Amino acid sequence: MTILTTTIGSRRILPHLRRRILGISSSASSSLEFSTSTPSPSPSSWVTTEVLEDDKRIALLKLHRAPANALSLEMCQEISAAIRNLEEEHSTTAVVLSSALPSKIFSAGLDISTELYKPNLDRLPEFWKSFQQLFLDLYGSKDLTTIAAIEGPAPAGGCMLALSCDYRLMDASPKNRSNIGLNESHLGIVAPPWMCQQYIDALGHRQAELALLSGILFPPEQALKIGLVDELVRADDNGDDNLEAAGGRSSVEDAAISKAKEFVRIPQGARAAVKQLTRGPLVDKLERDREKDVDVFCEFVTSDNVQVAIGRYLEAMVASKASKKKK
């Protein structure tokens, strides 16, 4: 009898593991209805770039994947490709990263229902590699100075995107519901070591440890206080109650562009050298450990207890949405 196996990284997954992942163990709730979705081809409009007419050194990189800019394999690849394309345009040395969604959600993080729950075992390692690569391309870019314009929630992987930028501005308007943080503990999972190190670098060891344990999402004022963001912008500071400034850009985007114009006055070689000194060690470590990181992630996320926890989280999300619709 031939025993079929599936390879994840350098590990081989036996049929009982495939059955466990695709069917969930008997300890799981029988009411779970989520299944692995078939990813559709990603439209090019998910990620767009625009070079400023009055300063070719600055570009806007906007995320358009409704409803929440979730990071699927294809979305990660599109953002990485956009970053590399801008790097090849040697005239561009600063980039503003923002959401173009009407909801202004910066990014809700990983596409849980597509990539993590009952995952496709052939796709799973490729997804994680694309997520690693996105981090390496954004956090590790020496050619680009990056500014995050955060106008909505940025949990988990969205927080990674923001922390990977060199400067972070956040909307603190009274009506805004922005928050940011690594909240993976609520899903029964933990961020990978390189994301945790990002957190530690930004918050300090003890503050990061507590935040990771509790899965806190910080509102703007707290995010500024602990170092998750560098600057707060209020729409009413500029008489901009509708968050739409001249030229169709929001106050936060305009403030981010102003900051980019400050950065481009600094010689690009100096900016690149600083980033190499401050970010190079973490980039180098992940590049050395990529295969191990893929193996650990795949083994962890496909374990019974994690699959059950993710399933319950998704079920709770559906129940919450249904409750809101009734109201």
C-alpha atoms as a PDB file:
ATOM      1  CA  MET A   1       0.000   0.000   0.000  1.00  0.00           C
ATOM      2  CA  THR A   2       1.336   3.415  -0.965  1.00  0.00           C
ATOM      3  CA  ILE A   3       1.292   6.017   1.821  1.00  0.00           C
ATOM      4  CA  LEU A   4       0.656   9.496   0.450  1.00  0.00           C
ATOM      5  CA  THR A   5       2.410  12.375   2.167  1.00  0.00           C
ATOM      6  CA  THR A   6       2.464  16.130   1.856  1.00  0.00           C
ATOM      7  CA  THR A   7       5.641  18.120   2.309  1.00  0.00           C
ATOM      8  CA  ILE A   8       5.736  21.283   4.399  1.00  0.00           C
ATOM      9  CA  GLY A   9       9.164  22.890   4.396  1.00  0.00           C
ATOM     10  CA  SER A  10      11.549  20.022   5.096  1.00  0.00           C
ATOM     11  CA  ARG A  11       8.923  18.025   7.043  1.00  0.00           C
ATOM     12  CA  ARG A  12       6.574  15.351   5.717  1.00  0.00           C
ATOM     13  CA  ILE A  13       2.951  15.374   6.774  1.00  0.00           C
ATOM     14  CA  LEU A  14       1.210  11.984   6.994  1.00  0.00           C
ATOM     15  CA  PRO A  15      -2.415  11.352   6.021  1.00  0.00           C
ATOM     16  CA  HIS A  16      -3.656  11.424   9.625  1.00  0.00           C
ATOM     17  CA  LEU A  17      -2.425  15.015   9.873  1.00  0.00           C
ATOM     18  CA  ARG A  18      -4.139  15.938   6.612  1.00  0.00           C
ATOM     19  CA  ARG A  19      -7.391  14.424   7.935  1.00  0.00           C
ATOM     20  CA  ARG A  20      -6.950  16.256  11.218  1.00  0.00           C
ATOM     21  CA  ILE A  21      -6.435  19.591   9.488  1.00  0.00           C
ATOM     22  CA  LEU A  22      -9.207  19.252   6.922  1.00  0.00           C
ATOM     23  CA  GLY A  23     -11.733  17.618   9.225  1.00  0.00           C
ATOM     24  CA  ILE A  24     -10.710  19.031  12.635  1.00  0.00           C
ATOM     25  CA  SER A  25     -10.389  16.670  15.591  1.00  0.00           C
ATOM     26  CA  SER A  26     -13.401  15.328  17.472  1.00  0.00           C
ATOM     27  CA  SER A  27     -12.808  17.904  20.199  1.00  0.00           C
ATOM     28  CA  ALA A  28     -13.765  20.715  17.810  1.00  0.00           C
ATOM     29  CA  SER A  29     -17.201  22.284  17.789  1.00  0.00           C
ATOM     30  CA  SER A  30     -19.516  20.523  15.347  1.00  0.00           C
ATOM     31  CA  SER A  31     -21.117  23.840  14.430  1.00  0.00           C
ATOM     32  CA  LEU A  32     -18.052  25.158  12.600  1.00  0.00           C
ATOM     33  CA  GLU A  33     -18.978  25.869   8.998  1.00  0.00           C
ATOM     34  CA  PHE A  34     -15.810  27.448   7.648  1.00  0.00           C
ATOM     35  CA  SER A  35     -13.809  25.604   5.034  1.00  0.00           C
ATOM     36  CA  THR A  36     -10.704  26.315   3.033  1.00  0.00           C
ATOM     37  CA  SER A  37     -11.645  28.810   0.344  1.00  0.00           C
ATOM     38  CA  THR A  38     -10.221  28.686  -3.145  1.00  0.00           C
ATOM     39  CA  PRO A  39      -8.200  31.872  -3.683  1.00  0.00           C
ATOM     40  CA  SER A  40      -9.275  33.903  -6.665  1.00  0.00           C
ATOM     41  CA  PRO A  41      -6.757  35.619  -8.933  1.00  0.00           C
ATOM     42  CA  SER A  42      -5.804  38.942  -7.393  1.00  0.00           C
ATOM     43  CA  PRO A  43      -6.722  42.011  -9.406  1.00  0.00           C
ATOM     44  CA  SER A  44      -3.976  44.548  -9.944  1.00  0.00           C
ATOM     45  CA  SER A  45      -6.144  47.141  -8.188  1.00  0.00           C
ATOM     46  CA  TRP A  46      -5.400  45.504  -4.827  1.00  0.00           C
ATOM     47  CA  VAL A  47      -2.186  47.556  -4.690  1.00  0.00           C
ATOM     48  CA  THR A  48      -1.570  50.778  -6.588  1.00  0.00           C
ATOM     49  CA  THR A  49       1.291  53.256  -6.654  1.00  0.00           C
ATOM     50  CA  GLU A  50       1.385  56.896  -7.624  1.00  0.00           C
ATOM     51  CA  VAL A  51       4.397  59.197  -7.859  1.00  0.00           C
ATOM     52  CA  LEU A  52       3.784  62.766  -6.705  1.00  0.00           C
ATOM     53  CA  GLU A  53       3.690  65.224  -9.579  1.00  0.00           C
ATOM     54  CA  ASP A  54       5.501  67.934  -7.635  1.00  0.00           C
ATOM     55  CA  ASP A  55       8.206  65.635  -6.219  1.00  0.00           C
ATOM     56  CA  LYS A  56       9.167  62.471  -8.103  1.00  0.00           C
ATOM     57  CA  ARG A  57      11.174  61.309  -5.088  1.00  0.00           C
ATOM     58  CA  ILE A  58       7.928  60.505  -3.229  1.00  0.00           C
ATOM     59  CA  ALA A  59       5.365  57.836  -4.089  1.00  0.00           C
ATOM     60  CA  LEU A  60       2.029  56.778  -2.589  1.00  0.00           C
ATOM     61  CA  LEU A  61       1.451  53.035  -2.164  1.00  0.00           C
ATOM     62  CA  LYS A  62      -2.225  52.288  -1.509  1.00  0.00           C
ATOM     63  CA  LEU A  63      -3.923  49.057  -0.438  1.00  0.00           C
ATOM     64  CA  HIS A  64      -7.341  48.321  -1.979  1.00  0.00           C
ATOM     65  CA  ARG A  65      -8.273  44.767  -1.021  1.00  0.00           C
ATOM     66  CA  ALA A  66     -11.830  44.920   0.344  1.00  0.00           C
ATOM     67  CA  PRO A  67     -13.129  44.518   2.911  1.00  0.00           C
ATOM     68  CA  ALA A  68     -10.106  44.820   5.220  1.00  0.00           C
ATOM     69  CA  ASN A  69      -6.826  44.604   3.257  1.00  0.00           C
ATOM     70  CA  ALA A  70      -6.319  41.080   4.609  1.00  0.00           C
ATOM     71  CA  LEU A  71      -2.928  39.598   3.794  1.00  0.00           C
ATOM     72  CA  SER A  72      -3.355  36.542   1.605  1.00  0.00           C
ATOM     73  CA  LEU A  73      -0.522  34.961  -0.357  1.00  0.00           C
ATOM     74  CA  GLU A  74      -1.419  37.033  -3.413  1.00  0.00           C
ATOM     75  CA  MET A  75      -1.806  40.259  -1.440  1.00  0.00           C
ATOM     76  CA  CYS A  76       1.623  39.820   0.152  1.00  0.00           C
ATOM     77  CA  GLN A  77       3.131  39.172  -3.264  1.00  0.00           C
ATOM     78  CA  GLU A  78       1.496  42.275  -4.754  1.00  0.00           C
ATOM     79  CA  ILE A  79       2.763  44.571  -1.992  1.00  0.00           C
ATOM     80  CA  SER A  80       6.262  43.096  -2.285  1.00  0.00           C
ATOM     81  CA  ALA A  81       6.219  43.567  -6.056  1.00  0.00           C
ATOM     82  CA  ALA A  82       5.122  47.201  -5.664  1.00  0.00           C
ATOM     83  CA  ILE A  83       7.975  47.880  -3.228  1.00  0.00           C
ATOM     84  CA  ARG A  84      10.546  46.290  -5.522  1.00  0.00           C
ATOM     85  CA  ASN A  85       9.225  48.220  -8.521  1.00  0.00           C
ATOM     86  CA  LEU A  86       9.570  51.493  -6.621  1.00  0.00           C
ATOM     87  CA  GLU A  87      13.108  50.556  -5.618  1.00  0.00           C
ATOM     88  CA  GLU A  88      13.943  50.040  -9.269  1.00  0.00           C
ATOM     89  CA  GLU A  89      12.678  53.550  -9.997  1.00  0.00           C
ATOM     90  CA  HIS A  90      15.811  55.121  -8.579  1.00  0.00           C
ATOM     91  CA  SER A  91      14.239  58.582  -8.541  1.00  0.00           C
ATOM     92  CA  THR A  92      11.811  57.412  -5.808  1.00  0.00           C
ATOM     93  CA  THR A  93      13.336  57.288  -2.324  1.00  0.00           C
ATOM     94  CA  ALA A  94      10.326  57.792  -0.021  1.00  0.00           C
ATOM     95  CA  VAL A  95       6.971  55.998   0.073  1.00  0.00           C
ATOM     96  CA  VAL A  96       3.729  56.690   1.938  1.00  0.00           C
ATOM     97  CA  LEU A  97       1.808  53.475   2.705  1.00  0.00           C
ATOM     98  CA  SER A  98      -1.941  53.870   3.281  1.00  0.00           C
ATOM     99  CA  SER A  99      -5.354  52.253   2.848  1.00  0.00           C
ATOM    100  CA  ALA A 100      -7.629  53.301   0.007  1.00  0.00           C
ATOM    101  CA  LEU A 101     -10.655  51.454   1.401  1.00  0.00           C
ATOM    102  CA  PRO A 102     -13.746  53.515   2.289  1.00  0.00           C
ATOM    103  CA  SER A 103     -13.528  52.029   5.803  1.00  0.00           C
ATOM    104  CA  LYS A 104      -9.885  53.179   6.011  1.00  0.00           C
ATOM    105  CA  ILE A 105      -8.897  49.876   7.659  1.00  0.00           C
ATOM    106  CA  PHE A 106      -5.113  49.885   7.322  1.00  0.00           C
ATOM    107  CA  SER A 107      -4.956  46.088   7.315  1.00  0.00           C
ATOM    108  CA  ALA A 108      -6.769  43.498   9.406  1.00  0.00           C
ATOM    109  CA  GLY A 109      -3.711  41.241   9.247  1.00  0.00           C
ATOM    110  CA  LEU A 110      -3.465  37.720   7.905  1.00  0.00           C
ATOM    111  CA  ASP A 111      -6.325  36.322   5.823  1.00  0.00           C
ATOM    112  CA  ILE A 112      -7.312  33.815   8.496  1.00  0.00           C
ATOM    113  CA  SER A 113     -10.199  32.022   6.797  1.00  0.00           C
ATOM    114  CA  THR A 114      -8.293  31.532   3.551  1.00  0.00           C
ATOM    115  CA  GLU A 115      -4.758  30.841   4.764  1.00  0.00           C
ATOM    116  CA  LEU A 116      -4.892  29.541   8.350  1.00  0.00           C
ATOM    117  CA  TYR A 117      -8.146  27.658   8.942  1.00  0.00           C
ATOM    118  CA  LYS A 118      -8.214  24.149   7.460  1.00  0.00           C
ATOM    119  CA  PRO A 119      -5.361  25.277   5.211  1.00  0.00           C
ATOM    120  CA  ASN A 120      -4.295  23.886   1.871  1.00  0.00           C
ATOM    121  CA  LEU A 121      -1.136  22.014   2.892  1.00  0.00           C
ATOM    122  CA  ASP A 122       0.637  22.730  -0.389  1.00  0.00           C
ATOM    123  CA  ARG A 123      -0.218  26.419  -0.236  1.00  0.00           C
ATOM    124  CA  LEU A 124       0.496  27.004   3.472  1.00  0.00           C
ATOM    125  CA  PRO A 125       4.318  27.118   3.313  1.00  0.00           C
ATOM    126  CA  GLU A 126       4.181  29.297   0.204  1.00  0.00           C
ATOM    127  CA  PHE A 127       1.848  31.692   1.989  1.00  0.00           C
ATOM    128  CA  TRP A 128       4.191  31.979   4.961  1.00  0.00           C
ATOM    129  CA  LYS A 129       7.173  32.531   2.677  1.00  0.00           C
ATOM    130  CA  SER A 130       5.281  35.359   0.979  1.00  0.00           C
ATOM    131  CA  PHE A 131       4.552  36.912   4.384  1.00  0.00           C
ATOM    132  CA  GLN A 132       8.214  36.604   5.372  1.00  0.00           C
ATOM    133  CA  GLN A 133       9.220  38.186   2.068  1.00  0.00           C
ATOM    134  CA  LEU A 134       6.828  41.080   2.576  1.00  0.00           C
ATOM    135  CA  PHE A 135       8.502  41.794   5.910  1.00  0.00           C
ATOM    136  CA  LEU A 136      11.970  41.564   4.350  1.00  0.00           C
ATOM    137  CA  ASP A 137      10.999  43.833   1.454  1.00  0.00           C
ATOM    138  CA  LEU A 138       9.313  46.506   3.584  1.00  0.00           C
ATOM    139  CA  TYR A 139      11.246  46.422   6.848  1.00  0.00           C
ATOM    140  CA  GLY A 140      14.538  45.679   5.122  1.00  0.00           C
ATOM    141  CA  SER A 141      14.349  48.166   2.247  1.00  0.00           C
ATOM    142  CA  LYS A 142      17.469  50.338   2.304  1.00  0.00           C
ATOM    143  CA  ASP A 143      16.553  52.275  -0.840  1.00  0.00           C
ATOM    144  CA  LEU A 144      13.205  53.556   0.414  1.00  0.00           C
ATOM    145  CA  THR A 145      12.217  55.573   3.458  1.00  0.00           C
ATOM    146  CA  THR A 146       8.692  54.459   4.310  1.00  0.00           C
ATOM    147  CA  ILE A 147       5.925  56.320   6.143  1.00  0.00           C
ATOM    148  CA  ALA A 148       2.723  54.636   7.336  1.00  0.00           C
ATOM    149  CA  ALA A 149      -0.472  56.719   7.200  1.00  0.00           C
ATOM    150  CA  ILE A 150      -2.795  54.826   9.570  1.00  0.00           C
ATOM    151  CA  GLU A 151      -6.436  55.918   9.460  1.00  0.00           C
ATOM    152  CA  GLY A 152      -8.108  52.757  10.720  1.00  0.00           C
ATOM    153  CA  PRO A 153      -7.446  49.515  12.592  1.00  0.00           C
ATOM    154  CA  ALA A 154      -4.012  47.886  12.203  1.00  0.00           C
ATOM    155  CA  PRO A 155      -4.073  44.649  14.233  1.00  0.00           C
ATOM    156  CA  ALA A 156      -1.637  41.728  13.965  1.00  0.00           C
ATOM    157  CA  GLY A 157      -0.176  41.616  10.444  1.00  0.00           C
ATOM    158  CA  GLY A 158      -1.433  45.160   9.919  1.00  0.00           C
ATOM    159  CA  CYS A 159       0.677  46.191  12.884  1.00  0.00           C
ATOM    160  CA  MET A 160       3.639  44.445  11.246  1.00  0.00           C
ATOM    161  CA  LEU A 161       3.142  46.530   8.108  1.00  0.00           C
ATOM    162  CA  ALA A 162       3.083  49.728  10.157  1.00  0.00           C
ATOM    163  CA  LEU A 163       6.087  48.773  12.312  1.00  0.00           C
ATOM    164  CA  SER A 164       8.031  47.898   9.170  1.00  0.00           C
ATOM    165  CA  CYS A 165       7.765  51.522   8.055  1.00  0.00           C
ATOM    166  CA  ASP A 166      10.332  54.069   9.223  1.00  0.00           C
ATOM    167  CA  TYR A 167       7.760  56.556  10.502  1.00  0.00           C
ATOM    168  CA  ARG A 168       4.157  56.080  11.548  1.00  0.00           C
ATOM    169  CA  LEU A 169       1.337  58.627  11.680  1.00  0.00           C
ATOM    170  CA  MET A 170      -2.073  57.735  13.081  1.00  0.00           C
ATOM    171  CA  ASP A 171      -5.477  59.381  12.839  1.00  0.00           C
ATOM    172  CA  ALA A 172      -6.648  60.482  16.283  1.00  0.00           C
ATOM    173  CA  SER A 173      -9.857  62.230  15.244  1.00  0.00           C
ATOM    174  CA  PRO A 174     -12.667  61.966  17.813  1.00  0.00           C
ATOM    175  CA  LYS A 175     -14.855  59.907  15.457  1.00  0.00           C
ATOM    176  CA  ASN A 176     -12.006  57.619  14.426  1.00  0.00           C
ATOM    177  CA  ARG A 177     -11.722  54.075  15.788  1.00  0.00           C
ATOM    178  CA  SER A 178      -8.101  53.407  14.913  1.00  0.00           C
ATOM    179  CA  ASN A 179      -6.134  50.935  16.990  1.00  0.00           C
ATOM    180  CA  ILE A 180      -2.914  49.006  16.574  1.00  0.00           C
ATOM    181  CA  GLY A 181      -1.125  46.065  18.152  1.00  0.00           C
ATOM    182  CA  LEU A 182      -0.269  42.386  17.990  1.00  0.00           C
ATOM    183  CA  ASN A 183      -3.411  40.644  19.239  1.00  0.00           C
ATOM    184  CA  GLU A 184      -2.619  37.099  18.089  1.00  0.00           C
ATOM    185  CA  SER A 185      -2.987  35.661  21.608  1.00  0.00           C
ATOM    186  CA  HIS A 186      -6.765  36.042  21.276  1.00  0.00           C
ATOM    187  CA  LEU A 187      -6.679  33.567  18.390  1.00  0.00           C
ATOM    188  CA  GLY A 188      -4.671  31.080  20.418  1.00  0.00           C
ATOM    189  CA  ILE A 189      -1.540  31.748  18.374  1.00  0.00           C
ATOM    190  CA  VAL A 190       1.601  33.808  18.779  1.00  0.00           C
ATOM    191  CA  ALA A 191       3.443  36.134  16.425  1.00  0.00           C
ATOM    192  CA  PRO A 192       6.673  34.735  14.936  1.00  0.00           C
ATOM    193  CA  PRO A 193       9.993  35.648  16.589  1.00  0.00           C
ATOM    194  CA  TRP A 194      10.854  38.349  14.058  1.00  0.00           C
ATOM    195  CA  MET A 195       7.527  40.135  14.598  1.00  0.00           C
ATOM    196  CA  CYS A 196       7.927  39.842  18.360  1.00  0.00           C
ATOM    197  CA  GLN A 197      11.391  41.379  18.040  1.00  0.00           C
ATOM    198  CA  GLN A 198       9.888  44.284  16.086  1.00  0.00           C
ATOM    199  CA  TYR A 199       7.520  44.800  19.007  1.00  0.00           C
ATOM    200  CA  ILE A 200      10.309  44.625  21.556  1.00  0.00           C
ATOM    201  CA  ASP A 201      12.378  47.116  19.567  1.00  0.00           C
ATOM    202  CA  ALA A 202       9.479  49.571  19.467  1.00  0.00           C
ATOM    203  CA  LEU A 203       8.009  49.144  22.963  1.00  0.00           C
ATOM    204  CA  GLY A 204      10.838  47.836  25.103  1.00  0.00           C
ATOM    205  CA  HIS A 205      11.055  44.301  26.454  1.00  0.00           C
ATOM    206  CA  ARG A 206       8.678  44.455  29.422  1.00  0.00           C
ATOM    207  CA  GLN A 207       5.994  46.539  27.719  1.00  0.00           C
ATOM    208  CA  ALA A 208       6.107  44.268  24.660  1.00  0.00           C
ATOM    209  CA  GLU A 209       5.935  41.140  26.817  1.00  0.00           C
ATOM    210  CA  LEU A 210       2.772  42.343  28.565  1.00  0.00           C
ATOM    211  CA  ALA A 211       1.206  43.554  25.327  1.00  0.00           C
ATOM    212  CA  LEU A 212       1.861  40.228  23.576  1.00  0.00           C
ATOM    213  CA  LEU A 213       0.459  38.226  26.487  1.00  0.00           C
ATOM    214  CA  SER A 214      -2.750  40.239  26.691  1.00  0.00           C
ATOM    215  CA  GLY A 215      -3.171  40.897  22.961  1.00  0.00           C
ATOM    216  CA  ILE A 216      -3.907  44.579  23.563  1.00  0.00           C
ATOM    217  CA  LEU A 217      -4.947  46.809  20.678  1.00  0.00           C
ATOM    218  CA  PHE A 218      -3.857  50.338  21.543  1.00  0.00           C
ATOM    219  CA  PRO A 219      -5.907  53.442  20.679  1.00  0.00           C
ATOM    220  CA  PRO A 220      -4.005  56.394  19.159  1.00  0.00           C
ATOM    221  CA  GLU A 221      -3.005  58.222  22.347  1.00  0.00           C
ATOM    222  CA  GLN A 222      -1.680  55.072  24.006  1.00  0.00           C
ATOM    223  CA  ALA A 223       0.018  53.968  20.790  1.00  0.00           C
ATOM    224  CA  LEU A 224       1.893  57.267  20.694  1.00  0.00           C
ATOM    225  CA  LYS A 225       2.830  57.076  24.372  1.00  0.00           C
ATOM    226  CA  ILE A 226       4.395  53.609  24.118  1.00  0.00           C
ATOM    227  CA  GLY A 227       6.114  54.163  20.768  1.00  0.00           C
ATOM    228  CA  LEU A 228       3.945  52.186  18.367  1.00  0.00           C
ATOM    229  CA  VAL A 229       3.350  55.365  16.362  1.00  0.00           C
ATOM    230  CA  ASP A 230       5.397  58.543  16.077  1.00  0.00           C
ATOM    231  CA  GLU A 231       2.763  61.210  15.465  1.00  0.00           C
ATOM    232  CA  LEU A 232      -0.977  61.743  15.787  1.00  0.00           C
ATOM    233  CA  VAL A 233      -3.055  63.670  13.256  1.00  0.00           C
ATOM    234  CA  ARG A 234      -6.544  65.004  13.914  1.00  0.00           C
ATOM    235  CA  ALA A 235      -8.716  65.955  10.975  1.00  0.00           C
ATOM    236  CA  ASP A 236     -10.074  68.970  12.834  1.00  0.00           C
ATOM    237  CA  ASP A 237      -6.506  70.227  13.406  1.00  0.00           C
ATOM    238  CA  ASN A 238      -6.612  71.414   9.780  1.00  0.00           C
ATOM    239  CA  GLY A 239     -10.319  72.187   9.649  1.00  0.00           C
ATOM    240  CA  ASP A 240     -10.760  68.857   7.876  1.00  0.00           C
ATOM    241  CA  ASP A 241     -13.879  67.360   9.421  1.00  0.00           C
ATOM    242  CA  ASN A 242     -14.516  65.036   6.486  1.00  0.00           C
ATOM    243  CA  LEU A 243     -10.996  63.624   6.428  1.00  0.00           C
ATOM    244  CA  GLU A 244     -10.720  64.756   2.810  1.00  0.00           C
ATOM    245  CA  ALA A 245      -8.056  67.389   2.230  1.00  0.00           C
ATOM    246  CA  ALA A 246      -7.213  69.273  -0.940  1.00  0.00           C
ATOM    247  CA  GLY A 247      -6.369  66.997  -3.839  1.00  0.00           C
ATOM    248  CA  GLY A 248      -8.590  64.195  -2.536  1.00  0.00           C
ATOM    249  CA  ARG A 249      -6.083  63.154   0.134  1.00  0.00           C
ATOM    250  CA  SER A 250      -6.848  62.839   3.823  1.00  0.00           C
ATOM    251  CA  SER A 251      -5.211  64.889   6.533  1.00  0.00           C
ATOM    252  CA  VAL A 252      -3.161  61.872   7.609  1.00  0.00           C
ATOM    253  CA  GLU A 253      -1.901  61.271   4.070  1.00  0.00           C
ATOM    254  CA  ASP A 254      -1.038  64.944   3.683  1.00  0.00           C
ATOM    255  CA  ALA A 255       0.859  64.882   6.975  1.00  0.00           C
ATOM    256  CA  ALA A 256       2.675  61.726   5.848  1.00  0.00           C
ATOM    257  CA  ILE A 257       3.657  63.397   2.563  1.00  0.00           C
ATOM    258  CA  SER A 258       4.986  66.396   4.501  1.00  0.00           C
ATOM    259  CA  LYS A 259       7.086  64.037   6.621  1.00  0.00           C
ATOM    260  CA  ALA A 260       8.323  62.302   3.451  1.00  0.00           C
ATOM    261  CA  LYS A 261       9.437  65.682   2.109  1.00  0.00           C
ATOM    262  CA  GLU A 262      11.469  66.159   5.285  1.00  0.00           C
ATOM    263  CA  PHE A 263      13.118  62.775   4.860  1.00  0.00           C
ATOM    264  CA  VAL A 264      14.060  63.266   1.210  1.00  0.00           C
ATOM    265  CA  ARG A 265      16.098  66.333   2.169  1.00  0.00           C
ATOM    266  CA  ILE A 266      18.447  63.955   3.967  1.00  0.00           C
ATOM    267  CA  PRO A 267      20.956  62.328   1.568  1.00  0.00           C
ATOM    268  CA  GLN A 268      19.630  58.938   0.528  1.00  0.00           C
ATOM    269  CA  GLY A 269      22.961  57.238   1.214  1.00  0.00           C
ATOM    270  CA  ALA A 270      22.848  58.327   4.847  1.00  0.00           C
ATOM    271  CA  ARG A 271      19.279  57.058   5.226  1.00  0.00           C
ATOM    272  CA  ALA A 272      20.259  53.698   3.746  1.00  0.00           C
ATOM    273  CA  ALA A 273      23.268  53.379   6.053  1.00  0.00           C
ATOM    274  CA  VAL A 274      21.172  54.098   9.147  1.00  0.00           C
ATOM    275  CA  LYS A 275      18.613  51.459   8.154  1.00  0.00           C
ATOM    276  CA  GLN A 276      21.340  48.902   7.540  1.00  0.00           C
ATOM    277  CA  LEU A 277      22.789  49.528  11.003  1.00  0.00           C
ATOM    278  CA  THR A 278      19.470  49.478  12.850  1.00  0.00           C
ATOM    279  CA  ARG A 279      17.507  46.882  10.878  1.00  0.00           C
ATOM    280  CA  GLY A 280      20.161  44.750   9.232  1.00  0.00           C
ATOM    281  CA  PRO A 281      20.639  42.307  12.144  1.00  0.00           C
ATOM    282  CA  LEU A 282      16.960  41.280  12.292  1.00  0.00           C
ATOM    283  CA  VAL A 283      16.750  41.003   8.506  1.00  0.00           C
ATOM    284  CA  ASP A 284      19.888  38.844   8.415  1.00  0.00           C
ATOM    285  CA  LYS A 285      18.590  36.591  11.176  1.00  0.00           C
ATOM    286  CA  LEU A 286      15.294  35.906   9.415  1.00  0.00           C
ATOM    287  CA  GLU A 287      17.062  35.244   6.111  1.00  0.00           C
ATOM    288  CA  ARG A 288      19.242  32.663   7.859  1.00  0.00           C
ATOM    289  CA  ASP A 289      16.296  31.033   9.634  1.00  0.00           C
ATOM    290  CA  ARG A 290      13.611  31.198   6.936  1.00  0.00           C
ATOM    291  CA  GLU A 291      13.187  27.455   6.355  1.00  0.00           C
ATOM    292  CA  LYS A 292      13.070  26.713  10.074  1.00  0.00           C
ATOM    293  CA  ASP A 293      10.566  29.530  10.567  1.00  0.00           C
ATOM    294  CA  VAL A 294       8.327  28.051   7.838  1.00  0.00           C
ATOM    295  CA  ASP A 295       8.495  24.594   9.403  1.00  0.00           C
ATOM    296  CA  VAL A 296       7.707  25.851  12.896  1.00  0.00           C
ATOM    297  CA  PHE A 297       4.810  27.982  11.661  1.00  0.00           C
ATOM    298  CA  CYS A 298       3.234  25.199   9.593  1.00  0.00           C
ATOM    299  CA  GLU A 299       3.528  22.646  12.381  1.00  0.00           C
ATOM    300  CA  PHE A 300       2.120  25.089  14.927  1.00  0.00           C
ATOM    301  CA  VAL A 301      -0.820  26.422  12.934  1.00  0.00           C
ATOM    302  CA  THR A 302      -1.967  22.934  11.858  1.00  0.00           C
ATOM    303  CA  SER A 303      -1.992  21.542  15.405  1.00  0.00           C
ATOM    304  CA  ASP A 304      -5.366  20.462  16.811  1.00  0.00           C
ATOM    305  CA  ASN A 305      -5.587  23.069  19.542  1.00  0.00           C
ATOM    306  CA  VAL A 306      -4.681  25.962  17.241  1.00  0.00           C
ATOM    307  CA  GLN A 307      -7.143  24.874  14.552  1.00  0.00           C
ATOM    308  CA  VAL A 308      -9.896  24.625  17.144  1.00  0.00           C
ATOM    309  CA  ALA A 309      -9.028  28.064  18.541  1.00  0.00           C
ATOM    310  CA  ILE A 310      -9.018  29.648  15.076  1.00  0.00           C
ATOM    311  CA  GLY A 311     -12.325  27.983  14.219  1.00  0.00           C
ATOM    312  CA  ARG A 312     -13.951  29.308  17.372  1.00  0.00           C
ATOM    313  CA  TYR A 313     -12.576  32.776  16.688  1.00  0.00           C
ATOM    314  CA  LEU A 314     -14.060  32.775  13.183  1.00  0.00           C
ATOM    315  CA  GLU A 315     -17.349  31.448  14.517  1.00  0.00           C
ATOM    316  CA  ALA A 316     -17.447  34.264  17.066  1.00  0.00           C
ATOM    317  CA  MET A 317     -16.796  36.807  14.322  1.00  0.00           C
ATOM    318  CA  VAL A 318     -19.763  35.506  12.318  1.00  0.00           C
ATOM    319  CA  ALA A 319     -21.988  35.593  15.394  1.00  0.00           C
ATOM    320  CA  SER A 320     -20.895  39.147  16.160  1.00  0.00           C
ATOM    321  CA  LYS A 321     -21.670  40.326  12.620  1.00  0.00           C
ATOM    322  CA  ALA A 322     -25.064  38.630  12.725  1.00  0.00           C
ATOM    323  CA  SER A 323     -25.845  40.329  16.025  1.00  0.00           C
ATOM    324  CA  LYS A 324     -24.930  43.730  14.645  1.00  0.00           C
ATOM    325  CA  LYS A 325     -27.161  43.228  11.609  1.00  0.00           C
ATOM    326  CA  LYS A 326     -30.139  42.408  13.850  1.00  0.00           C
ATOM    327  CA  LYS A 327     -29.612  45.702  15.676  1.00  0.00           C
END
